[in-house]
Amino acid sequence: MKYPDMLIAQIMDIGLTKDVGELESLFSKQELSKIIKESEIGQFKPESWSFWHHRLNLIRPTDPVPPMPLRPCGKDEFIPYEFNEQWKF
């Protein structure tokens, strides 16, 4: 497989509950954490971004979820992203 990390990221983003268990049985928390930490712009929806940060204990339950990678919208400009509290698990 040419891009295994991209496939894993896609499963993490759009997978079902049973897929979460399958990923966790096949890959360590460190491997899944690496996918999140090295993710590209647009690979995760806000809900899955939040879910995996909490699921992998990358943040404490009371900490805010770190911002997602941003898309540049012009020279040295970025679209601001605001976290919606309903996405917190």
Protein backbone atom coordinates (compact mmCIF):
# COMPACT_ATOMS: atom_id res chain seq x y z
CA MET A 1 0.00 0.00 0.00
CA LYS A 2 1.39 3.35 -1.04
CA TYR A 3 -0.23 5.62 1.61
CA PRO A 4 -1.21 3.57 4.69
CA ASP A 5 -1.32 6.61 7.02
CA MET A 6 -3.83 8.30 4.73
CA LEU A 7 -6.09 5.23 4.80
CA ILE A 8 -5.87 5.01 8.60
CA ALA A 9 -6.71 8.72 8.89
CA GLN A 10 -9.75 8.23 6.66
CA ILE A 11 -10.98 5.36 8.82
CA MET A 12 -10.38 7.44 11.94
CA ASP A 13 -12.40 10.27 10.42
CA ILE A 14 -15.38 8.46 8.88
CA GLY A 15 -15.27 5.03 10.51
CA LEU A 16 -18.04 3.50 12.59
CA THR A 17 -17.82 2.44 16.22
CA LYS A 18 -16.77 -1.08 15.20
CA ASP A 19 -13.99 0.45 13.10
CA VAL A 20 -12.62 2.24 16.18
CA GLY A 21 -12.25 -1.10 17.96
CA GLU A 22 -10.64 -2.67 14.91
CA LEU A 23 -8.13 0.19 14.59
CA GLU A 24 -7.28 -0.04 18.28
CA SER A 25 -6.72 -3.79 17.98
CA LEU A 26 -4.40 -3.38 14.98
CA PHE A 27 -2.46 -0.25 15.98
CA SER A 28 -1.00 1.07 19.22
CA LYS A 29 -2.07 4.36 20.77
CA GLN A 30 1.32 5.73 19.76
CA GLU A 31 0.75 4.81 16.12
CA LEU A 32 -2.74 6.34 16.07
CA SER A 33 -1.47 9.43 17.88
CA LYS A 34 1.16 9.86 15.17
CA ILE A 35 -1.61 9.90 12.55
CA ILE A 36 -3.39 12.72 14.40
CA LYS A 37 -0.22 14.70 15.05
CA GLU A 38 0.94 14.45 11.43
CA SER A 39 -2.47 14.90 9.82
CA GLU A 40 -2.89 17.15 6.84
CA ILE A 41 -5.32 19.99 6.32
CA GLY A 42 -8.84 18.67 5.81
CA GLN A 43 -8.18 15.05 6.81
CA PHE A 44 -10.41 15.21 9.89
CA LYS A 45 -13.82 16.67 10.60
CA PRO A 46 -14.04 18.62 13.88
CA GLU A 47 -16.04 15.84 15.57
CA SER A 48 -13.50 13.13 14.82
CA TRP A 49 -10.60 15.49 15.59
CA SER A 50 -12.06 16.03 19.07
CA PHE A 51 -13.00 12.35 19.54
CA TRP A 52 -9.52 11.04 18.80
CA HIS A 53 -7.74 13.64 20.95
CA HIS A 54 -9.85 12.48 23.89
CA ARG A 55 -9.84 8.77 22.98
CA LEU A 56 -6.04 8.68 22.73
CA ASN A 57 -5.60 10.81 25.87
CA LEU A 58 -3.68 13.43 23.92
CA ILE A 59 -5.32 16.04 26.13
CA ARG A 60 -6.81 16.04 29.60
CA PRO A 61 -10.63 15.93 29.76
CA THR A 62 -10.77 19.56 30.90
CA ASP A 63 -8.31 20.87 28.29
CA PRO A 64 -9.53 22.49 25.08
CA VAL A 65 -9.05 20.52 21.90
CA PRO A 66 -6.11 21.88 19.92
CA PRO A 67 -6.94 23.70 16.72
CA MET A 68 -7.15 21.70 13.54
CA PRO A 69 -4.66 22.34 10.76
CA LEU A 70 -5.72 25.49 8.91
CA ARG A 71 -6.21 26.13 5.22
CA PRO A 72 -4.43 29.13 3.83
CA CYS A 73 -6.87 31.53 2.16
CA GLY A 74 -4.38 34.05 0.85
CA LYS A 75 -0.87 35.24 1.34
CA ASP A 76 -0.03 34.73 5.02
CA GLU A 77 -3.73 34.49 5.94
CA PHE A 78 -5.64 31.62 7.47
CA ILE A 79 -9.30 30.92 7.97
CA PRO A 80 -9.90 31.01 11.75
CA TYR A 81 -11.40 27.90 13.28
CA GLU A 82 -13.57 28.03 16.37
CA PHE A 83 -14.21 24.87 18.33
CA ASN A 84 -17.86 24.05 18.96
CA GLU A 85 -18.41 22.80 22.52
CA GLN A 86 -20.94 20.21 21.30
CA TRP A 87 -18.03 18.29 19.73
CA LYS A 88 -16.43 17.73 23.13
CA PHE A 89 -16.66 14.13 24.35
